[in-house]
Amino acid sequence: MPDPQNPPEIRHNAQKHRFEAGEGTEIAKLNYRLHAGIVDLVHVEVPEEFQGMGLAGKLASTALEWARESGLKVTPSCPYVKAYLGKNPQFADLLA
């Protein structure tokens, strides 16, 4: 079982179009689609063993920072990411 005090690192898996944390079959992930300068943040999924570690928020913030650094605009199709953006106005300028 993962240590809540030491959550797994977030990494960008560009081949699979997602940000992820964890190993093996239990991976927390935020899937995205990229089209014409807009990244659609589609779905965040955090397995039960990783819940309560703040991984969903870390996945969202990492994806949003990547979008900013890449000069992309964001469409938040994922309800979690949409709510995260509402609570984090520093990312409001990224909305498509």
PDB file of N, CA and C in Angstrom:
ATOM      1  N   MET A   1       0.850  -1.189   0.000  1.00  0.00           N
ATOM      2  CA  MET A   1       0.000   0.000   0.000  1.00  0.00           C
ATOM      3  C   MET A   1       0.887   1.241   0.000  1.00  0.00           C
ATOM      4  N   PRO A   2       0.562   2.224  -0.825  1.00  0.00           N
ATOM      5  CA  PRO A   2       1.379   3.440  -0.899  1.00  0.00           C
ATOM      6  C   PRO A   2       1.370   4.222   0.416  1.00  0.00           C
ATOM      7  N   ASP A   3       2.430   4.931   0.647  1.00  0.00           N
ATOM      8  CA  ASP A   3       2.575   5.759   1.837  1.00  0.00           C
ATOM      9  C   ASP A   3       1.929   7.118   1.585  1.00  0.00           C
ATOM     10  N   PRO A   4       0.863   7.485   2.351  1.00  0.00           N
ATOM     11  CA  PRO A   4       0.188   8.769   2.141  1.00  0.00           C
ATOM     12  C   PRO A   4       1.115   9.973   2.337  1.00  0.00           C
ATOM     13  N   GLN A   5       2.178   9.789   3.130  1.00  0.00           N
ATOM     14  CA  GLN A   5       3.124  10.882   3.362  1.00  0.00           C
ATOM     15  C   GLN A   5       4.108  11.042   2.207  1.00  0.00           C
ATOM     16  N   ASN A   6       4.159  10.043   1.331  1.00  0.00           N
ATOM     17  CA  ASN A   6       5.106  10.060   0.227  1.00  0.00           C
ATOM     18  C   ASN A   6       4.401   9.586  -1.049  1.00  0.00           C
ATOM     19  N   PRO A   7       3.483  10.421  -1.595  1.00  0.00           N
ATOM     20  CA  PRO A   7       2.731  10.003  -2.778  1.00  0.00           C
ATOM     21  C   PRO A   7       3.651   9.821  -3.986  1.00  0.00           C
ATOM     22  N   PRO A   8       3.239   9.001  -4.948  1.00  0.00           N
ATOM     23  CA  PRO A   8       4.070   8.778  -6.125  1.00  0.00           C
ATOM     24  C   PRO A   8       4.226  10.046  -6.965  1.00  0.00           C
ATOM     25  N   GLU A   9       5.323  10.101  -7.685  1.00  0.00           N
ATOM     26  CA  GLU A   9       5.619  11.240  -8.566  1.00  0.00           C
ATOM     27  C   GLU A   9       4.674  11.240  -9.764  1.00  0.00           C
ATOM     28  N   ILE A  10       4.323  12.448 -10.203  1.00  0.00           N
ATOM     29  CA  ILE A  10       3.505  12.615 -11.408  1.00  0.00           C
ATOM     30  C   ILE A  10       4.450  12.654 -12.603  1.00  0.00           C
ATOM     31  N   ARG A  11       4.094  11.955 -13.660  1.00  0.00           N
ATOM     32  CA  ARG A  11       4.890  11.985 -14.889  1.00  0.00           C
ATOM     33  C   ARG A  11       3.958  12.173 -16.085  1.00  0.00           C
ATOM     34  N   HIS A  12       4.506  12.734 -17.144  1.00  0.00           N
ATOM     35  CA  HIS A  12       3.754  12.947 -18.377  1.00  0.00           C
ATOM     36  C   HIS A  12       4.050  11.788 -19.311  1.00  0.00           C
ATOM     37  N   ASN A  13       3.033  11.030 -19.646  1.00  0.00           N
ATOM     38  CA  ASN A  13       3.161   9.934 -20.598  1.00  0.00           C
ATOM     39  C   ASN A  13       2.555  10.429 -21.911  1.00  0.00           C
ATOM     40  N   ALA A  14       3.370  11.099 -22.711  1.00  0.00           N
ATOM     41  CA  ALA A  14       2.883  11.714 -23.953  1.00  0.00           C
ATOM     42  C   ALA A  14       2.392  10.662 -24.941  1.00  0.00           C
ATOM     43  N   GLN A  15       2.994   9.473 -24.939  1.00  0.00           N
ATOM     44  CA  GLN A  15       2.564   8.414 -25.852  1.00  0.00           C
ATOM     45  C   GLN A  15       1.129   7.990 -25.597  1.00  0.00           C
ATOM     46  N   LYS A  16       0.743   7.952 -24.322  1.00  0.00           N
ATOM     47  CA  LYS A  16      -0.610   7.535 -23.961  1.00  0.00           C
ATOM     48  C   LYS A  16      -1.538   8.720 -23.723  1.00  0.00           C
ATOM     49  N   HIS A  17      -1.054   9.934 -23.949  1.00  0.00           N
ATOM     50  CA  HIS A  17      -1.847  11.155 -23.779  1.00  0.00           C
ATOM     51  C   HIS A  17      -2.439  11.234 -22.374  1.00  0.00           C
ATOM     52  N   ARG A  18      -1.552  11.156 -21.375  1.00  0.00           N
ATOM     53  CA  ARG A  18      -2.022  11.261 -20.005  1.00  0.00           C
ATOM     54  C   ARG A  18      -0.894  11.653 -19.057  1.00  0.00           C
ATOM     55  N   PHE A  19      -1.311  12.166 -17.911  1.00  0.00           N
ATOM     56  CA  PHE A  19      -0.419  12.393 -16.783  1.00  0.00           C
ATOM     57  C   PHE A  19      -0.738  11.260 -15.820  1.00  0.00           C
ATOM     58  N   GLU A  20       0.298  10.699 -15.181  1.00  0.00           N
ATOM     59  CA  GLU A  20       0.062   9.511 -14.380  1.00  0.00           C
ATOM     60  C   GLU A  20       0.996   9.440 -13.182  1.00  0.00           C
ATOM     61  N   ALA A  21       0.594   8.610 -12.235  1.00  0.00           N
ATOM     62  CA  ALA A  21       1.396   8.337 -11.040  1.00  0.00           C
ATOM     63  C   ALA A  21       1.120   6.907 -10.628  1.00  0.00           C
ATOM     64  N   GLY A  22       2.145   6.225 -10.144  1.00  0.00           N
ATOM     65  CA  GLY A  22       1.997   4.841  -9.729  1.00  0.00           C
ATOM     66  C   GLY A  22       2.632   3.907 -10.735  1.00  0.00           C
ATOM     67  N   GLU A  23       2.585   2.633 -10.419  1.00  0.00           N
ATOM     68  CA  GLU A  23       3.210   1.607 -11.258  1.00  0.00           C
ATOM     69  C   GLU A  23       2.255   0.436 -11.452  1.00  0.00           C
ATOM     70  N   GLY A  24       2.540  -0.370 -12.444  1.00  0.00           N
ATOM     71  CA  GLY A  24       1.767  -1.588 -12.672  1.00  0.00           C
ATOM     72  C   GLY A  24       0.355  -1.306 -13.137  1.00  0.00           C
ATOM     73  N   THR A  25      -0.582  -2.054 -12.582  1.00  0.00           N
ATOM     74  CA  THR A  25      -1.977  -1.913 -13.010  1.00  0.00           C
ATOM     75  C   THR A  25      -2.711  -0.812 -12.255  1.00  0.00           C
ATOM     76  N   GLU A  26      -2.195  -0.419 -11.103  1.00  0.00           N
ATOM     77  CA  GLU A  26      -2.834   0.627 -10.303  1.00  0.00           C
ATOM     78  C   GLU A  26      -2.160   1.965 -10.568  1.00  0.00           C
ATOM     79  N   ILE A  27      -2.729   2.709 -11.502  1.00  0.00           N
ATOM     80  CA  ILE A  27      -2.152   3.998 -11.891  1.00  0.00           C
ATOM     81  C   ILE A  27      -3.214   5.080 -11.773  1.00  0.00           C
ATOM     82  N   ALA A  28      -2.864   6.147 -11.074  1.00  0.00           N
ATOM     83  CA  ALA A  28      -3.715   7.342 -11.066  1.00  0.00           C
ATOM     84  C   ALA A  28      -3.403   8.076 -12.355  1.00  0.00           C
ATOM     85  N   LYS A  29      -4.436   8.567 -13.037  1.00  0.00           N
ATOM     86  CA  LYS A  29      -4.169   9.185 -14.337  1.00  0.00           C
ATOM     87  C   LYS A  29      -5.173  10.275 -14.679  1.00  0.00           C
ATOM     88  N   LEU A  30      -4.692  11.190 -15.502  1.00  0.00           N
ATOM     89  CA  LEU A  30      -5.525  12.228 -16.089  1.00  0.00           C
ATOM     90  C   LEU A  30      -5.314  12.144 -17.594  1.00  0.00           C
ATOM     91  N   ASN A  31      -6.323  11.683 -18.302  1.00  0.00           N
ATOM     92  CA  ASN A  31      -6.252  11.531 -19.755  1.00  0.00           C
ATOM     93  C   ASN A  31      -6.593  12.848 -20.442  1.00  0.00           C
ATOM     94  N   TYR A  32      -5.960  13.064 -21.586  1.00  0.00           N
ATOM     95  CA  TYR A  32      -6.250  14.272 -22.360  1.00  0.00           C
ATOM     96  C   TYR A  32      -6.250  13.973 -23.853  1.00  0.00           C
ATOM     97  N   ARG A  33      -6.860  14.908 -24.596  1.00  0.00           N
ATOM     98  CA  ARG A  33      -6.834  14.896 -26.061  1.00  0.00           C
ATOM     99  C   ARG A  33      -6.283  16.237 -26.495  1.00  0.00           C
ATOM    100  N   LEU A  34      -5.458  16.226 -27.496  1.00  0.00           N
ATOM    101  CA  LEU A  34      -4.827  17.439 -28.003  1.00  0.00           C
ATOM    102  C   LEU A  34      -5.279  17.677 -29.436  1.00  0.00           C
ATOM    103  N   HIS A  35      -5.766  18.905 -29.711  1.00  0.00           N
ATOM    104  CA  HIS A  35      -6.211  19.224 -31.065  1.00  0.00           C
ATOM    105  C   HIS A  35      -6.132  20.730 -31.293  1.00  0.00           C
ATOM    106  N   ALA A  36      -5.400  21.125 -32.293  1.00  0.00           N
ATOM    107  CA  ALA A  36      -5.334  22.522 -32.749  1.00  0.00           C
ATOM    108  C   ALA A  36      -5.043  23.513 -31.616  1.00  0.00           C
ATOM    109  N   GLY A  37      -4.027  23.224 -30.821  1.00  0.00           N
ATOM    110  CA  GLY A  37      -3.625  24.161 -29.778  1.00  0.00           C
ATOM    111  C   GLY A  37      -4.490  24.155 -28.527  1.00  0.00           C
ATOM    112  N   ILE A  38      -5.398  23.191 -28.435  1.00  0.00           N
ATOM    113  CA  ILE A  38      -6.268  23.075 -27.258  1.00  0.00           C
ATOM    114  C   ILE A  38      -6.108  21.670 -26.676  1.00  0.00           C
ATOM    115  N   VAL A  39      -5.907  21.612 -25.382  1.00  0.00           N
ATOM    116  CA  VAL A  39      -5.842  20.325 -24.697  1.00  0.00           C
ATOM    117  C   VAL A  39      -7.152  20.140 -23.937  1.00  0.00           C
ATOM    118  N   ASP A  40      -7.835  19.051 -24.244  1.00  0.00           N
ATOM    119  CA  ASP A  40      -9.082  18.704 -23.579  1.00  0.00           C
ATOM    120  C   ASP A  40      -8.730  17.734 -22.455  1.00  0.00           C
ATOM    121  N   LEU A  41      -8.886  18.181 -21.216  1.00  0.00           N
ATOM    122  CA  LEU A  41      -8.620  17.336 -20.059  1.00  0.00           C
ATOM    123  C   LEU A  41      -9.879  16.508 -19.820  1.00  0.00           C
ATOM    124  N   VAL A  42      -9.811  15.253 -20.220  1.00  0.00           N
ATOM    125  CA  VAL A  42     -10.987  14.410 -20.393  1.00  0.00           C
ATOM    126  C   VAL A  42     -11.451  13.705 -19.122  1.00  0.00           C
ATOM    127  N   HIS A  43     -10.514  13.069 -18.410  1.00  0.00           N
ATOM    128  CA  HIS A  43     -10.959  12.210 -17.306  1.00  0.00           C
ATOM    129  C   HIS A  43      -9.826  11.982 -16.318  1.00  0.00           C
ATOM    130  N   VAL A  44     -10.126  12.165 -15.045  1.00  0.00           N
ATOM    131  CA  VAL A  44      -9.158  11.837 -14.000  1.00  0.00           C
ATOM    132  C   VAL A  44      -9.666  10.593 -13.271  1.00  0.00           C
ATOM    133  N   GLU A  45      -8.737   9.697 -12.981  1.00  0.00           N
ATOM    134  CA  GLU A  45      -9.082   8.444 -12.311  1.00  0.00           C
ATOM    135  C   GLU A  45      -8.010   8.142 -11.271  1.00  0.00           C
ATOM    136  N   VAL A  46      -8.446   7.957 -10.031  1.00  0.00           N
ATOM    137  CA  VAL A  46      -7.518   7.650  -8.937  1.00  0.00           C
ATOM    138  C   VAL A  46      -7.979   6.355  -8.275  1.00  0.00           C
ATOM    139  N   PRO A  47      -7.171   5.287  -8.385  1.00  0.00           N
ATOM    140  CA  PRO A  47      -7.537   4.028  -7.746  1.00  0.00           C
ATOM    141  C   PRO A  47      -7.700   4.198  -6.230  1.00  0.00           C
ATOM    142  N   GLU A  48      -8.494   3.330  -5.652  1.00  0.00           N
ATOM    143  CA  GLU A  48      -8.807   3.414  -4.224  1.00  0.00           C
ATOM    144  C   GLU A  48      -7.549   3.493  -3.353  1.00  0.00           C
ATOM    145  N   GLU A  49      -6.526   2.730  -3.696  1.00  0.00           N
ATOM    146  CA  GLU A  49      -5.320   2.714  -2.862  1.00  0.00           C
ATOM    147  C   GLU A  49      -4.583   4.050  -2.833  1.00  0.00           C
ATOM    148  N   PHE A  50      -4.854   4.929  -3.805  1.00  0.00           N
ATOM    149  CA  PHE A  50      -4.200   6.237  -3.858  1.00  0.00           C
ATOM    150  C   PHE A  50      -5.102   7.374  -3.370  1.00  0.00           C
ATOM    151  N   GLN A  51      -6.352   7.073  -3.042  1.00  0.00           N
ATOM    152  CA  GLN A  51      -7.269   8.134  -2.641  1.00  0.00           C
ATOM    153  C   GLN A  51      -6.858   8.731  -1.299  1.00  0.00           C
ATOM    154  N   GLY A  52      -7.107  10.018  -1.152  1.00  0.00           N
ATOM    155  CA  GLY A  52      -6.757  10.727   0.063  1.00  0.00           C
ATOM    156  C   GLY A  52      -5.342  11.278   0.078  1.00  0.00           C
ATOM    157  N   MET A  53      -4.628  11.145  -1.031  1.00  0.00           N
ATOM    158  CA  MET A  53      -3.246  11.625  -1.128  1.00  0.00           C
ATOM    159  C   MET A  53      -3.145  12.947  -1.885  1.00  0.00           C
ATOM    160  N   GLY A  54      -4.276  13.428  -2.389  1.00  0.00           N
ATOM    161  CA  GLY A  54      -4.252  14.663  -3.167  1.00  0.00           C
ATOM    162  C   GLY A  54      -3.760  14.476  -4.591  1.00  0.00           C
ATOM    163  N   LEU A  55      -3.758  13.229  -5.079  1.00  0.00           N
ATOM    164  CA  LEU A  55      -3.225  12.975  -6.421  1.00  0.00           C
ATOM    165  C   LEU A  55      -4.061  13.582  -7.531  1.00  0.00           C
ATOM    166  N   ALA A  56      -5.378  13.602  -7.386  1.00  0.00           N
ATOM    167  CA  ALA A  56      -6.218  14.180  -8.442  1.00  0.00           C
ATOM    168  C   ALA A  56      -5.845  15.651  -8.650  1.00  0.00           C
ATOM    169  N   GLY A  57      -5.685  16.383  -7.560  1.00  0.00           N
ATOM    170  CA  GLY A  57      -5.294  17.791  -7.657  1.00  0.00           C
ATOM    171  C   GLY A  57      -3.898  17.952  -8.229  1.00  0.00           C
ATOM    172  N   LYS A  58      -2.985  17.072  -7.852  1.00  0.00           N
ATOM    173  CA  LYS A  58      -1.620  17.148  -8.388  1.00  0.00           C
ATOM    174  C   LYS A  58      -1.591  16.822  -9.874  1.00  0.00           C
ATOM    175  N   LEU A  59      -2.401  15.849 -10.283  1.00  0.00           N
ATOM    176  CA  LEU A  59      -2.500  15.545 -11.708  1.00  0.00           C
ATOM    177  C   LEU A  59      -3.040  16.750 -12.475  1.00  0.00           C
ATOM    178  N   ALA A  60      -4.095  17.368 -11.937  1.00  0.00           N
ATOM    179  CA  ALA A  60      -4.697  18.530 -12.595  1.00  0.00           C
ATOM    180  C   ALA A  60      -3.712  19.691 -12.673  1.00  0.00           C
ATOM    181  N   SER A  61      -3.054  20.010 -11.575  1.00  0.00           N
ATOM    182  CA  SER A  61      -2.130  21.154 -11.597  1.00  0.00           C
ATOM    183  C   SER A  61      -0.945  20.892 -12.504  1.00  0.00           C
ATOM    184  N   THR A  62      -0.445  19.659 -12.540  1.00  0.00           N
ATOM    185  CA  THR A  62       0.670  19.327 -13.423  1.00  0.00           C
ATOM    186  C   THR A  62       0.258  19.472 -14.885  1.00  0.00           C
ATOM    187  N   ALA A  63      -0.936  18.980 -15.220  1.00  0.00           N
ATOM    188  CA  ALA A  63      -1.433  19.093 -16.599  1.00  0.00           C
ATOM    189  C   ALA A  63      -1.641  20.558 -16.988  1.00  0.00           C
ATOM    190  N   LEU A  64      -2.163  21.353 -16.072  1.00  0.00           N
ATOM    191  CA  LEU A  64      -2.405  22.765 -16.363  1.00  0.00           C
ATOM    192  C   LEU A  64      -1.091  23.536 -16.516  1.00  0.00           C
ATOM    193  N   GLU A  65      -0.112  23.232 -15.692  1.00  0.00           N
ATOM    194  CA  GLU A  65       1.201  23.876 -15.842  1.00  0.00           C
ATOM    195  C   GLU A  65       1.840  23.488 -17.172  1.00  0.00           C
ATOM    196  N   TRP A  66       1.703  22.230 -17.546  1.00  0.00           N
ATOM    197  CA  TRP A  66       2.221  21.764 -18.844  1.00  0.00           C
ATOM    198  C   TRP A  66       1.538  22.521 -19.985  1.00  0.00           C
ATOM    199  N   ALA A  67       0.224  22.680 -19.894  1.00  0.00           N
ATOM    200  CA  ALA A  67      -0.508  23.419 -20.932  1.00  0.00           C
ATOM    201  C   ALA A  67       0.021  24.848 -21.037  1.00  0.00           C
ATOM    202  N   ARG A  68       0.224  25.484 -19.886  1.00  0.00           N
ATOM    203  CA  ARG A  68       0.738  26.857 -19.874  1.00  0.00           C
ATOM    204  C   ARG A  68       2.128  26.924 -20.522  1.00  0.00           C
ATOM    205  N   GLU A  69       3.014  26.043 -20.101  1.00  0.00           N
ATOM    206  CA  GLU A  69       4.380  26.036 -20.634  1.00  0.00           C
ATOM    207  C   GLU A  69       4.411  25.717 -22.124  1.00  0.00           C
ATOM    208  N   SER A  70       3.420  24.967 -22.589  1.00  0.00           N
ATOM    209  CA  SER A  70       3.354  24.565 -23.993  1.00  0.00           C
ATOM    210  C   SER A  70       2.584  25.555 -24.856  1.00  0.00           C
ATOM    211  N   GLY A  71       2.033  26.609 -24.240  1.00  0.00           N
ATOM    212  CA  GLY A  71       1.267  27.601 -24.989  1.00  0.00           C
ATOM    213  C   GLY A  71      -0.084  27.089 -25.453  1.00  0.00           C
ATOM    214  N   LEU A  72      -0.666  26.174 -24.697  1.00  0.00           N
ATOM    215  CA  LEU A  72      -1.948  25.583 -25.070  1.00  0.00           C
ATOM    216  C   LEU A  72      -3.087  26.197 -24.263  1.00  0.00           C
ATOM    217  N   LYS A  73      -4.259  26.181 -24.833  1.00  0.00           N
ATOM    218  CA  LYS A  73      -5.477  26.520 -24.112  1.00  0.00           C
ATOM    219  C   LYS A  73      -6.103  25.216 -23.614  1.00  0.00           C
ATOM    220  N   VAL A  74      -7.030  25.316 -22.674  1.00  0.00           N
ATOM    221  CA  VAL A  74      -7.587  24.137 -22.015  1.00  0.00           C
ATOM    222  C   VAL A  74      -9.109  24.106 -22.116  1.00  0.00           C
ATOM    223  N   THR A  75      -9.621  22.922 -22.400  1.00  0.00           N
ATOM    224  CA  THR A  75     -11.044  22.631 -22.280  1.00  0.00           C
ATOM    225  C   THR A  75     -11.169  21.571 -21.191  1.00  0.00           C
ATOM    226  N   PRO A  76     -11.861  21.864 -20.100  1.00  0.00           N
ATOM    227  CA  PRO A  76     -11.996  20.877 -19.023  1.00  0.00           C
ATOM    228  C   PRO A  76     -13.267  20.035 -19.163  1.00  0.00           C
ATOM    229  N   SER A  77     -13.199  18.936 -19.918  1.00  0.00           N
ATOM    230  CA  SER A  77     -14.359  18.050 -20.036  1.00  0.00           C
ATOM    231  C   SER A  77     -14.590  17.266 -18.754  1.00  0.00           C
ATOM    232  N   CYS A  78     -13.535  17.009 -18.012  1.00  0.00           N
ATOM    233  CA  CYS A  78     -13.626  16.259 -16.763  1.00  0.00           C
ATOM    234  C   CYS A  78     -14.261  17.121 -15.672  1.00  0.00           C
ATOM    235  N   PRO A  79     -15.309  16.639 -15.013  1.00  0.00           N
ATOM    236  CA  PRO A  79     -15.948  17.415 -13.945  1.00  0.00           C
ATOM    237  C   PRO A  79     -14.980  17.784 -12.817  1.00  0.00           C
ATOM    238  N   TYR A  80     -14.064  16.884 -12.490  1.00  0.00           N
ATOM    239  CA  TYR A  80     -13.103  17.196 -11.425  1.00  0.00           C
ATOM    240  C   TYR A  80     -12.214  18.364 -11.832  1.00  0.00           C
ATOM    241  N   VAL A  81     -11.699  18.330 -13.051  1.00  0.00           N
ATOM    242  CA  VAL A  81     -10.815  19.409 -13.515  1.00  0.00           C
ATOM    243  C   VAL A  81     -11.589  20.723 -13.597  1.00  0.00           C
ATOM    244  N   LYS A  82     -12.844  20.660 -14.028  1.00  0.00           N
ATOM    245  CA  LYS A  82     -13.679  21.855 -14.086  1.00  0.00           C
ATOM    246  C   LYS A  82     -13.821  22.468 -12.688  1.00  0.00           C
ATOM    247  N   ALA A  83     -14.083  21.630 -11.686  1.00  0.00           N
ATOM    248  CA  ALA A  83     -14.200  22.102 -10.302  1.00  0.00           C
ATOM    249  C   ALA A  83     -12.854  22.629  -9.797  1.00  0.00           C
ATOM    250  N   TYR A  84     -11.772  21.958 -10.154  1.00  0.00           N
ATOM    251  CA  TYR A  84     -10.427  22.381  -9.745  1.00  0.00           C
ATOM    252  C   TYR A  84     -10.125  23.778 -10.296  1.00  0.00           C
ATOM    253  N   LEU A  85     -10.478  24.011 -11.545  1.00  0.00           N
ATOM    254  CA  LEU A  85     -10.267  25.329 -12.151  1.00  0.00           C
ATOM    255  C   LEU A  85     -11.080  26.402 -11.432  1.00  0.00           C
ATOM    256  N   GLY A  86     -12.287  26.054 -10.998  1.00  0.00           N
ATOM    257  CA  GLY A  86     -13.114  27.006 -10.265  1.00  0.00           C
ATOM    258  C   GLY A  86     -12.506  27.408  -8.931  1.00  0.00           C
ATOM    259  N   LYS A  87     -11.727  26.505  -8.326  1.00  0.00           N
ATOM    260  CA  LYS A  87     -11.094  26.768  -7.031  1.00  0.00           C
ATOM    261  C   LYS A  87      -9.678  27.333  -7.162  1.00  0.00           C
ATOM    262  N   ASN A  88      -9.153  27.357  -8.384  1.00  0.00           N
ATOM    263  CA  ASN A  88      -7.773  27.797  -8.622  1.00  0.00           C
ATOM    264  C   ASN A  88      -7.731  28.827  -9.758  1.00  0.00           C
ATOM    265  N   PRO A  89      -8.134  30.069  -9.455  1.00  0.00           N
ATOM    266  CA  PRO A  89      -8.257  31.095 -10.490  1.00  0.00           C
ATOM    267  C   PRO A  89      -6.942  31.441 -11.188  1.00  0.00           C
ATOM    268  N   GLN A  90      -5.814  31.010 -10.647  1.00  0.00           N
ATOM    269  CA  GLN A  90      -4.536  31.293 -11.302  1.00  0.00           C
ATOM    270  C   GLN A  90      -4.424  30.577 -12.654  1.00  0.00           C
ATOM    271  N   PHE A  91      -5.335  29.631 -12.917  1.00  0.00           N
ATOM    272  CA  PHE A  91      -5.323  28.930 -14.197  1.00  0.00           C
ATOM    273  C   PHE A  91      -6.439  29.404 -15.146  1.00  0.00           C
ATOM    274  N   ALA A  92      -7.227  30.373 -14.726  1.00  0.00           N
ATOM    275  CA  ALA A  92      -8.375  30.833 -15.521  1.00  0.00           C
ATOM    276  C   ALA A  92      -7.976  31.321 -16.914  1.00  0.00           C
ATOM    277  N   ASP A  93      -6.772  31.884 -17.041  1.00  0.00           N
ATOM    278  CA  ASP A  93      -6.329  32.386 -18.335  1.00  0.00           C
ATOM    279  C   ASP A  93      -6.102  31.277 -19.373  1.00  0.00           C
ATOM    280  N   LEU A  94      -6.084  30.037 -18.929  1.00  0.00           N
ATOM    281  CA  LEU A  94      -5.849  28.925 -19.851  1.00  0.00           C
ATOM    282  C   LEU A  94      -7.116  28.438 -20.552  1.00  0.00           C
ATOM    283  N   LEU A  95      -8.279  28.838 -20.054  1.00  0.00           N
ATOM    284  CA  LEU A  95      -9.527  28.340 -20.626  1.00  0.00           C
ATOM    285  C   LEU A  95      -9.689  28.769 -22.078  1.00  0.00           C
ATOM    286  N   ALA A  96     -10.075  27.776 -22.891  1.00  0.00           N
ATOM    287  CA  ALA A  96     -10.270  28.033 -24.333  1.00  0.00           C
ATOM    288  C   ALA A  96     -11.568  28.797 -24.552  1.00  0.00           C
TER     289      ALA A  96
END
